C-alpha atoms as a PDB file:
ATOM      1  CA  MET A   1     -20.379  26.273  25.698  1.00  0.00           C
ATOM      2  CA  LYS A   2     -19.275  22.887  27.034  1.00  0.00           C
ATOM      3  CA  ALA A   3     -16.935  21.994  24.160  1.00  0.00           C
ATOM      4  CA  THR A   4     -14.987  25.241  23.776  1.00  0.00           C
ATOM      5  CA  PHE A   5     -11.665  23.568  24.506  1.00  0.00           C
ATOM      6  CA  PHE A   6     -12.175  20.759  21.995  1.00  0.00           C
ATOM      7  CA  ILE A   7     -13.437  23.159  19.309  1.00  0.00           C
ATOM      8  CA  THR A   8     -10.268  25.204  19.754  1.00  0.00           C
ATOM      9  CA  TYR A   9      -8.191  22.023  19.794  1.00  0.00           C
ATOM     10  CA  ILE A  10      -9.704  20.817  16.517  1.00  0.00           C
ATOM     11  CA  MET A  11      -9.153  24.187  14.852  1.00  0.00           C
ATOM     12  CA  VAL A  12      -5.550  24.540  16.064  1.00  0.00           C
ATOM     13  CA  ASP A  13      -4.341  20.950  15.840  1.00  0.00           C
ATOM     14  CA  GLY A  14      -6.625  19.532  13.157  1.00  0.00           C
ATOM     15  CA  TRP A  15      -7.066  22.323  10.641  1.00  0.00           C
ATOM     16  CA  ALA A  16      -3.549  23.698  11.115  1.00  0.00           C
ATOM     17  CA  GLY A  17      -2.138  20.168  10.931  1.00  0.00           C
ATOM     18  CA  ILE A  18      -3.830  19.608   7.584  1.00  0.00           C
ATOM     19  CA  ALA A  19      -2.421  22.906   6.305  1.00  0.00           C
ATOM     20  CA  GLY A  20       1.044  21.913   7.525  1.00  0.00           C
ATOM     21  CA  GLU A  21       0.682  18.547   5.802  1.00  0.00           C
ATOM     22  CA  ILE A  22       0.006  20.126   2.423  1.00  0.00           C
ATOM     23  CA  LEU A  23       2.798  22.724   2.867  1.00  0.00           C
ATOM     24  CA  ARG A  24       5.437  20.306   4.266  1.00  0.00           C
ATOM     25  CA  LEU A  25       7.685  23.075   5.578  1.00  0.00           C
ATOM     26  CA  LYS A  26       9.781  20.797   7.787  1.00  0.00           C
ATOM     27  CA  PRO A  27      10.832  18.396   4.962  1.00  0.00           C
ATOM     28  CA  LEU A  28      11.469  21.427   2.734  1.00  0.00           C
ATOM     29  CA  ILE A  29      13.855  22.991   5.269  1.00  0.00           C
ATOM     30  CA  PHE A  30      15.622  19.655   5.841  1.00  0.00           C
ATOM     31  CA  TYR A  31      16.026  19.192   2.086  1.00  0.00           C
ATOM     32  CA  HIS A  32      17.723  22.570   1.632  1.00  0.00           C
ATOM     33  CA  LEU A  33      20.030  21.918   4.596  1.00  0.00           C
ATOM     34  CA  LYS A  34      21.015  18.507   3.236  1.00  0.00           C
ATOM     35  CA  ASN A  35      21.397  19.935  -0.255  1.00  0.00           C
ATOM     36  CA  PHE A  36      23.744  22.647   1.027  1.00  0.00           C
ATOM     37  CA  PHE A  37      25.904  20.565   3.387  1.00  0.00           C
ATOM     38  CA  LEU A  38      25.648  16.870   2.497  1.00  0.00           C
ATOM     39  CA  VAL A  39      24.696  16.443  -1.159  1.00  0.00           C
ATOM     40  CA  LYS A  40      27.681  15.609  -3.354  1.00  0.00           C
ATOM     41  CA  THR A  41      26.286  13.198  -5.949  1.00  0.00           C
ATOM     42  CA  GLU A  42      22.985  12.569  -7.674  1.00  0.00           C
ATOM     43  CA  LYS A  43      22.335   9.626  -5.373  1.00  0.00           C
ATOM     44  CA  ASP A  44      22.705  11.907  -2.348  1.00  0.00           C
ATOM     45  CA  ARG A  45      20.284  14.344  -3.953  1.00  0.00           C
ATOM     46  CA  GLU A  46      17.701  11.597  -4.523  1.00  0.00           C
ATOM     47  CA  GLU A  47      18.030  10.466  -0.903  1.00  0.00           C
ATOM     48  CA  ALA A  48      17.602  14.058   0.281  1.00  0.00           C
ATOM     49  CA  MET A  49      14.473  14.458  -1.868  1.00  0.00           C
ATOM     50  CA  ASP A  50      12.906  11.222  -0.613  1.00  0.00           C
ATOM     51  CA  PRO A  51       9.549  12.225   0.971  1.00  0.00           C
ATOM     52  CA  GLY A  52       9.227   8.986   2.933  1.00  0.00           C
ATOM     53  CA  CYS A  53       5.963   7.195   3.577  1.00  0.00           C
ATOM     54  CA  LEU A  54       2.794   8.058   5.425  1.00  0.00           C
ATOM     55  CA  GLY A  55       3.172   7.792   9.197  1.00  0.00           C
ATOM     56  CA  PHE A  56       0.392   5.444  10.280  1.00  0.00           C
ATOM     57  CA  ASN A  57       1.639   5.550  13.873  1.00  0.00           C
ATOM     58  CA  THR A  58       0.750   9.255  14.162  1.00  0.00           C
ATOM     59  CA  GLY A  59      -1.926   9.948  11.544  1.00  0.00           C
ATOM     60  CA  GLU A  60      -4.267   7.049  12.239  1.00  0.00           C
ATOM     61  CA  PRO A  61      -4.581   7.622  16.046  1.00  0.00           C
ATOM     62  CA  GLN A  62      -5.216  11.333  15.419  1.00  0.00           C
ATOM     63  CA  ILE A  63      -8.103  10.566  13.067  1.00  0.00           C
ATOM     64  CA  GLN A  64      -9.557   8.078  15.554  1.00  0.00           C
ATOM     65  CA  LEU A  65      -9.345  10.699  18.319  1.00  0.00           C
ATOM     66  CA  TYR A  66     -11.375  13.181  16.271  1.00  0.00           C
ATOM     67  CA  PHE A  67     -13.873  10.446  15.431  1.00  0.00           C
ATOM     68  CA  LEU A  68     -14.236   9.677  19.158  1.00  0.00           C
ATOM     69  CA  LEU A  69     -14.734  13.365  19.959  1.00  0.00           C
ATOM     70  CA  GLY A  70     -17.401  13.647  17.282  1.00  0.00           C
ATOM     71  CA  LEU A  71     -19.345  10.640  18.555  1.00  0.00           C
ATOM     72  CA  VAL A  72     -19.093  11.572  22.240  1.00  0.00           C
ATOM     73  CA  TYR A  73     -19.962  15.247  21.875  1.00  0.00           C
ATOM     74  CA  ALA A  74     -22.741  14.582  19.360  1.00  0.00           C
ATOM     75  CA  ALA A  75     -25.027  13.910  22.334  1.00  0.00           C
ATOM     76  CA  VAL A  76     -23.647  16.638  24.617  1.00  0.00           C
ATOM     77  CA  THR A  77     -22.751  19.529  22.283  1.00  0.00           C
ATOM     78  CA  PRO A  78     -23.795  19.011  18.662  1.00  0.00           C
ATOM     79  CA  LEU A  79     -22.141  22.334  17.781  1.00  0.00           C
ATOM     80  CA  LEU A  80     -18.830  20.442  17.640  1.00  0.00           C
ATOM     81  CA  LEU A  81     -19.943  18.321  14.677  1.00  0.00           C
ATOM     82  CA  PRO A  82     -19.452  20.956  11.900  1.00  0.00           C
ATOM     83  CA  PHE A  83     -15.815  21.416  12.957  1.00  0.00           C
ATOM     84  CA  ILE A  84     -15.310  17.639  12.868  1.00  0.00           C
ATOM     85  CA  LEU A  85     -16.915  17.395   9.421  1.00  0.00           C
ATOM     86  CA  ILE A  86     -14.707  20.178   8.062  1.00  0.00           C
ATOM     87  CA  PHE A  87     -11.627  18.424   9.437  1.00  0.00           C
ATOM     88  CA  PHE A  88     -12.536  15.081   7.843  1.00  0.00           C
ATOM     89  CA  SER A  89     -13.336  16.747   4.511  1.00  0.00           C
ATOM     90  CA  LEU A  90      -9.974  18.535   4.432  1.00  0.00           C
ATOM     91  CA  ALA A  91      -8.143  15.419   5.626  1.00  0.00           C
ATOM     92  CA  TYR A  92      -9.709  13.315   2.864  1.00  0.00           C
ATOM     93  CA  VAL A  93      -8.684  15.742   0.107  1.00  0.00           C
ATOM     94  CA  VAL A  94      -5.176  16.404   1.436  1.00  0.00           C
ATOM     95  CA  PHE A  95      -4.176  12.859   2.387  1.00  0.00           C
ATOM     96  CA  ARG A  96      -5.575  11.470  -0.860  1.00  0.00           C
ATOM     97  CA  HIS A  97      -3.351  13.886  -2.767  1.00  0.00           C
ATOM     98  CA  GLN A  98      -0.324  13.140  -0.574  1.00  0.00           C
ATOM     99  CA  ILE A  99      -0.650   9.363  -0.855  1.00  0.00           C
ATOM    100  CA  ILE A 100      -1.075   9.427  -4.644  1.00  0.00           C
ATOM    101  CA  ASN A 101       1.409  12.152  -5.618  1.00  0.00           C
ATOM    102  CA  VAL A 102       3.881  12.720  -2.764  1.00  0.00           C
ATOM    103  CA  TYR A 103       4.625   9.783  -0.490  1.00  0.00           C
ATOM    104  CA  ASN A 104       6.582   6.703  -1.513  1.00  0.00           C
ATOM    105  CA  GLN A 105       4.648   3.793  -0.078  1.00  0.00           C
ATOM    106  CA  GLN A 106       7.198   1.343   1.303  1.00  0.00           C
ATOM    107  CA  TYR A 107       4.791  -1.502   2.015  1.00  0.00           C
ATOM    108  CA  GLU A 108       1.214  -2.603   1.465  1.00  0.00           C
ATOM    109  CA  SER A 109      -0.588  -3.733   4.611  1.00  0.00           C
ATOM    110  CA  ALA A 110      -3.610  -5.172   2.739  1.00  0.00           C
ATOM    111  CA  ALA A 111      -5.993  -3.406   5.168  1.00  0.00           C
ATOM    112  CA  ALA A 112      -4.424  -5.107   8.197  1.00  0.00           C
ATOM    113  CA  PHE A 113      -5.201  -2.002  10.290  1.00  0.00           C
ATOM    114  CA  TRP A 114      -8.931  -2.239   9.692  1.00  0.00           C
ATOM    115  CA  PRO A 115      -9.871  -4.797  12.435  1.00  0.00           C
ATOM    116  CA  ASP A 116      -8.253  -2.573  15.083  1.00  0.00           C
ATOM    117  CA  VAL A 117      -9.833   0.562  13.616  1.00  0.00           C
ATOM    118  CA  HIS A 118     -13.252  -1.096  13.532  1.00  0.00           C
ATOM    119  CA  GLY A 119     -12.944  -2.191  17.161  1.00  0.00           C
ATOM    120  CA  ARG A 120     -12.021   1.321  18.304  1.00  0.00           C
ATOM    121  CA  VAL A 121     -14.867   2.864  16.327  1.00  0.00           C
ATOM    122  CA  ILE A 122     -17.296   0.456  17.988  1.00  0.00           C
ATOM    123  CA  ALA A 123     -15.804   1.311  21.402  1.00  0.00           C
ATOM    124  CA  ALA A 124     -16.298   5.028  20.690  1.00  0.00           C
ATOM    125  CA  LEU A 125     -19.887   4.348  19.648  1.00  0.00           C
ATOM    126  CA  VAL A 126     -20.588   2.415  22.868  1.00  0.00           C
ATOM    127  CA  ILE A 127     -19.087   5.254  24.943  1.00  0.00           C
ATOM    128  CA  SER A 128     -21.308   7.725  23.106  1.00  0.00           C
ATOM    129  CA  GLN A 129     -24.400   5.607  23.784  1.00  0.00           C
ATOM    130  CA  LEU A 130     -23.570   5.232  27.488  1.00  0.00           C
ATOM    131  CA  LEU A 131     -23.012   8.976  27.732  1.00  0.00           C
ATOM    132  CA  LEU A 132     -26.375   9.584  26.067  1.00  0.00           C
ATOM    133  CA  MET A 133     -28.058   7.260  28.567  1.00  0.00           C
ATOM    134  CA  GLY A 134     -26.426   9.067  31.486  1.00  0.00           C
ATOM    135  CA  LEU A 135     -27.373  12.465  30.075  1.00  0.00           C
ATOM    136  CA  LEU A 136     -31.024  11.497  29.577  1.00  0.00           C
ATOM    137  CA  SER A 137     -31.198   9.990  33.072  1.00  0.00           C
ATOM    138  CA  THR A 138     -30.380  13.405  34.568  1.00  0.00           C
ATOM    139  CA  LYS A 139     -33.002  15.192  32.482  1.00  0.00           C
ATOM    140  CA  GLU A 140     -36.756  14.959  32.359  1.00  0.00           C
ATOM    141  CA  ALA A 141     -36.537  11.957  29.968  1.00  0.00           C
ATOM    142  CA  ALA A 142     -35.342   9.535  32.650  1.00  0.00           C
ATOM    143  CA  GLN A 143     -38.210   7.144  31.957  1.00  0.00           C
ATOM    144  CA  SER A 144     -36.997   6.506  28.399  1.00  0.00           C
ATOM    145  CA  THR A 145     -33.475   5.615  29.540  1.00  0.00           C
ATOM    146  CA  PRO A 146     -34.119   1.850  30.029  1.00  0.00           C
ATOM    147  CA  PHE A 147     -35.178   1.556  26.393  1.00  0.00           C
ATOM    148  CA  LEU A 148     -31.722   2.753  25.326  1.00  0.00           C
ATOM    149  CA  ILE A 149     -30.029  -0.281  26.883  1.00  0.00           C
ATOM    150  CA  ALA A 150     -30.691  -2.120  23.624  1.00  0.00           C
ATOM    151  CA  LEU A 151     -28.327   0.253  21.765  1.00  0.00           C
ATOM    152  CA  PRO A 152     -25.008  -0.913  23.302  1.00  0.00           C
ATOM    153  CA  VAL A 153     -26.234  -4.526  23.278  1.00  0.00           C
ATOM    154  CA  LEU A 154     -27.005  -4.392  19.549  1.00  0.00           C
ATOM    155  CA  THR A 155     -23.745  -2.552  18.859  1.00  0.00           C
ATOM    156  CA  ILE A 156     -21.670  -5.199  20.642  1.00  0.00           C
ATOM    157  CA  TRP A 157     -23.589  -7.946  18.835  1.00  0.00           C
ATOM    158  CA  PHE A 158     -22.870  -6.233  15.503  1.00  0.00           C
ATOM    159  CA  TYR A 159     -19.170  -6.033  16.389  1.00  0.00           C
ATOM    160  CA  ARG A 160     -18.995  -9.739  17.223  1.00  0.00           C
ATOM    161  CA  PHE A 161     -20.833 -10.590  14.012  1.00  0.00           C
ATOM    162  CA  CYS A 162     -18.404  -8.542  11.899  1.00  0.00           C
ATOM    163  CA  LYS A 163     -15.435  -9.988  13.772  1.00  0.00           C
ATOM    164  CA  GLY A 164     -16.511 -13.557  13.091  1.00  0.00           C
ATOM    165  CA  ARG A 165     -17.641 -12.904   9.523  1.00  0.00           C
ATOM    166  CA  TYR A 166     -14.970 -10.604   8.068  1.00  0.00           C
ATOM    167  CA  GLU A 167     -11.879 -10.725  10.294  1.00  0.00           C
ATOM    168  CA  PRO A 168     -10.531 -14.011   8.824  1.00  0.00           C
ATOM    169  CA  ALA A 169     -10.277 -12.265   5.443  1.00  0.00           C
ATOM    170  CA  PHE A 170      -7.729  -9.841   6.951  1.00  0.00           C
ATOM    171  CA  ILE A 171      -5.714 -12.485   8.825  1.00  0.00           C
ATOM    172  CA  ARG A 172      -5.713 -15.668   6.742  1.00  0.00           C
ATOM    173  CA  TYR A 173      -4.486 -16.087   3.200  1.00  0.00           C
ATOM    174  CA  PRO A 174      -7.353 -16.142   0.649  1.00  0.00           C
ATOM    175  CA  LEU A 175      -7.997 -19.562  -0.886  1.00  0.00           C
ATOM    176  CA  GLN A 176      -8.459 -18.052  -4.340  1.00  0.00           C
ATOM    177  CA  GLU A 177      -4.947 -16.585  -4.370  1.00  0.00           C
ATOM    178  CA  ALA A 178      -3.523 -19.797  -2.898  1.00  0.00           C
ATOM    179  CA  MET A 179      -5.119 -21.800  -5.730  1.00  0.00           C
ATOM    180  CA  MET A 180      -3.688 -19.368  -8.282  1.00  0.00           C
ATOM    181  CA  LYS A 181      -0.196 -19.808  -6.830  1.00  0.00           C
ATOM    182  CA  ASP A 182      -0.563 -23.607  -6.820  1.00  0.00           C
ATOM    183  CA  THR A 183      -1.715 -23.596 -10.436  1.00  0.00           C
ATOM    184  CA  LEU A 184       1.190 -21.380 -11.459  1.00  0.00           C
ATOM    185  CA  GLU A 185       3.649 -23.580  -9.588  1.00  0.00           C
ATOM    186  CA  ARG A 186       2.342 -26.740 -11.271  1.00  0.00           C
ATOM    187  CA  ALA A 187       2.648 -25.089 -14.673  1.00  0.00           C
ATOM    188  CA  THR A 188       6.212 -23.847 -14.133  1.00  0.00           C
ATOM    189  CA  GLU A 189       7.539 -26.852 -12.178  1.00  0.00           C
ATOM    190  CA  PRO A 190       5.480 -29.942 -13.046  1.00  0.00           C
ATOM    191  CA  ASN A 191       8.112 -32.372 -11.658  1.00  0.00           C
ATOM    192  CA  LEU A 192       8.383 -30.736  -8.236  1.00  0.00           C
ATOM    193  CA  ASN A 193       8.283 -33.217  -5.349  1.00  0.00           C
ATOM    194  CA  LEU A 194       6.430 -31.243  -2.706  1.00  0.00           C
ATOM    195  CA  LYS A 195       7.148 -33.640   0.170  1.00  0.00           C
ATOM    196  CA  ASP A 196      10.907 -33.554  -0.356  1.00  0.00           C
ATOM    197  CA  TYR A 197      10.795 -29.786  -0.760  1.00  0.00           C
ATOM    198  CA  LEU A 198       8.859 -29.223   2.467  1.00  0.00           C
ATOM    199  CA  ARG A 199      11.101 -31.615   4.370  1.00  0.00           C
ATOM    200  CA  ASN A 200      14.013 -29.155   4.314  1.00  0.00           C
ATOM    201  CA  ALA A 201      12.238 -25.915   3.399  1.00  0.00           C
ATOM    202  CA  TYR A 202      12.187 -24.495   6.936  1.00  0.00           C
ATOM    203  CA  ILE A 203      15.605 -25.721   8.064  1.00  0.00           C
ATOM    204  CA  HIS A 204      18.318 -23.123   8.508  1.00  0.00           C
ATOM    205  CA  PRO A 205      21.186 -23.532   6.005  1.00  0.00           C
ATOM    206  CA  VAL A 206      23.643 -23.940   8.908  1.00  0.00           C
ATOM    207  CA  PHE A 207      21.878 -27.113  10.069  1.00  0.00           C
ATOM    208  CA  LYS A 208      21.725 -28.661   6.612  1.00  0.00           C
ATOM    209  CA  GLY A 209      24.207 -31.392   5.761  1.00  0.00           C
ATOM    210  CA  GLU A 210      26.635 -31.431   2.865  1.00  0.00           C
ATOM    211  CA  ASP A 211      24.546 -34.020   1.024  1.00  0.00           C
ATOM    212  CA  ASP A 212      21.539 -31.719   1.054  1.00  0.00           C
ATOM    213  CA  GLU A 213      23.633 -28.853  -0.297  1.00  0.00           C
ATOM    214  CA  ASP A 214      25.032 -31.065  -3.066  1.00  0.00           C
ATOM    215  CA  ASP A 215      21.514 -32.161  -4.001  1.00  0.00           C
ATOM    216  CA  GLU A 216      20.377 -28.550  -4.121  1.00  0.00           C
ATOM    217  CA  ASP A 217      23.349 -27.604  -6.318  1.00  0.00           C
ATOM    218  CA  GLU A 218      22.550 -30.449  -8.697  1.00  0.00           C
ATOM    219  CA  GLU A 219      18.898 -29.403  -8.867  1.00  0.00           C
ATOM    220  CA  VAL A 220      19.889 -25.794  -9.584  1.00  0.00           C
ATOM    221  CA  SER A 221      22.323 -26.856 -12.319  1.00  0.00           C
ATOM    222  CA  GLU A 222      19.720 -29.121 -13.923  1.00  0.00           C
ATOM    223  CA  LYS A 223      17.201 -26.302 -13.819  1.00  0.00           C
ATOM    224  CA  TRP A 224      19.653 -23.946 -15.518  1.00  0.00           C
ATOM    225  CA  GLU A 225      20.404 -26.546 -18.176  1.00  0.00           C
ATOM    226  CA  GLN A 226      16.717 -26.976 -18.897  1.00  0.00           C
ATOM    227  CA  GLU A 227      16.061 -23.249 -19.053  1.00  0.00           C
ATOM    228  CA  SER A 228      19.113 -22.313 -21.158  1.00  0.00           C
ATOM    229  CA  VAL A 229      17.929 -23.271 -24.632  1.00  0.00           C
ATOM    230  CA  LEU A 230      19.980 -22.251 -27.657  1.00  0.00           C
ATOM    231  CA  VAL A 231      18.064 -20.451 -30.367  1.00  0.00           C
ATOM    232  CA  PRO A 232      19.325 -21.369 -33.880  1.00  0.00           C
ATOM    233  CA  THR A 233      20.020 -18.466 -36.198  1.00  0.00           C
ATOM    234  CA  LYS A 234      20.467 -18.323 -39.968  1.00  0.00           C
ATOM    235  CA  ARG A 235      22.806 -16.088 -41.885  1.00  0.00           C
ATOM    236  CA  GLN A 236      21.226 -14.127 -44.662  1.00  0.00           C
ATOM    237  CA  SER A 237      22.408 -14.934 -48.160  1.00  0.00           C
ATOM    238  CA  ARG A 238      24.572 -12.398 -49.956  1.00  0.00           C
ATOM    239  CA  LYS A 239      22.565 -12.836 -53.134  1.00  0.00           C
ATOM    240  CA  ASN A 240      19.741 -10.775 -51.724  1.00  0.00           C
ATOM    241  CA  THR A 241      21.932  -7.979 -50.397  1.00  0.00           C
ATOM    242  CA  PRO A 242      22.142  -4.865 -52.566  1.00  0.00           C
ATOM    243  CA  GLN A 243      25.423  -3.878 -54.183  1.00  0.00           C
ATOM    244  CA  PRO A 244      27.378  -0.873 -52.912  1.00  0.00           C
ATOM    245  CA  SER A 245      27.102   2.423 -54.701  1.00  0.00           C
ATOM    246  CA  LYS A 246      29.503   3.148 -57.530  1.00  0.00           C
ATOM    247  CA  ILE A 247      29.875   6.770 -56.513  1.00  0.00           C
ATOM    248  CA  SER A 248      31.231   6.206 -53.031  1.00  0.00           C
ATOM    249  CA  SER A 249      32.138   3.026 -51.230  1.00  0.00           C
ATOM    250  CA  ASN A 250      31.316   4.620 -47.849  1.00  0.00           C
ATOM    251  CA  SER A 251      27.744   5.427 -48.787  1.00  0.00           C
ATOM    252  CA  SER A 252      24.838   3.204 -47.959  1.00  0.00           C
ATOM    253  CA  PRO A 253      24.212   0.248 -50.259  1.00  0.00           C
ATOM    254  CA  SER A 254      21.771   0.807 -53.061  1.00  0.00           C
ATOM    255  CA  LEU A 255      20.255  -1.158 -55.890  1.00  0.00           C
ATOM    256  CA  PRO A 256      22.292  -1.585 -59.083  1.00  0.00           C
ATOM    257  CA  ASP A 257      21.776   0.876 -61.889  1.00  0.00           C
ATOM    258  CA  VAL A 258      19.300  -0.137 -64.545  1.00  0.00           C
ATOM    259  CA  VAL A 259      20.567   0.217 -68.103  1.00  0.00           C
ATOM    260  CA  GLU A 260      17.979   0.596 -70.810  1.00  0.00           C
ATOM    261  CA  HIS A 261      18.859  -0.806 -74.251  1.00  0.00           C
ATOM    262  CA  PRO A 262      17.318   0.879 -77.289  1.00  0.00           C
ATOM    263  CA  GLN A 263      14.953  -1.223 -79.272  1.00  0.00           C
ATOM    264  CA  PRO A 264      15.879  -1.908 -82.901  1.00  0.00           C
END
């Protein structure tokens, strides 16, 4: 077998890593140590129980490595593919559970990693195609090798098409959201002078003059005066309030007793 080392590597590092991710023995041991030596208040306990966020710097390159191994060895040793599929199936179930129920996501990248991931996947696919061409050239199918040159050419063309068509959506701010923010700003601040605001918007406060600071203070005070509106209230009349009970003055107020007069 030509892929014995990588099969063992996937089973030891990949499968065992997924099992370690769901068990989380290292954070559990650290929590008990912190709880025994450092925790004194509830805030310390919450900080000790903080699971952190998902490590993209370690998890994402590992997944891309297994994807590269699967593409490269698909042409050389297809026996490696079931181990790769089992790893990705377990990783999907485990990491989906961890992201939803365990980790505290500290930021939202808005899929900013995807252009780099897509480029590396395309690079792995090109390497796999070149390896397939080299493998077929050493076998009896050497005459069909020139026809495979179209594969990397079409793959690179597809990458350039996706880069020009979809990459601006991950880099630039969407016009739809920009229009929504402009509409909201016009509704909340209809008298905003955009030119005067942008004139000093990107200047550090140290380099601003005293006149600019006074103008800003006046604008803030005027804004507070406009927003602080007094709400008039009315006091309820005592005629509609029920009389206190005759039995006990501390009891809750009740309606007056009704006296029935006999009819003549």
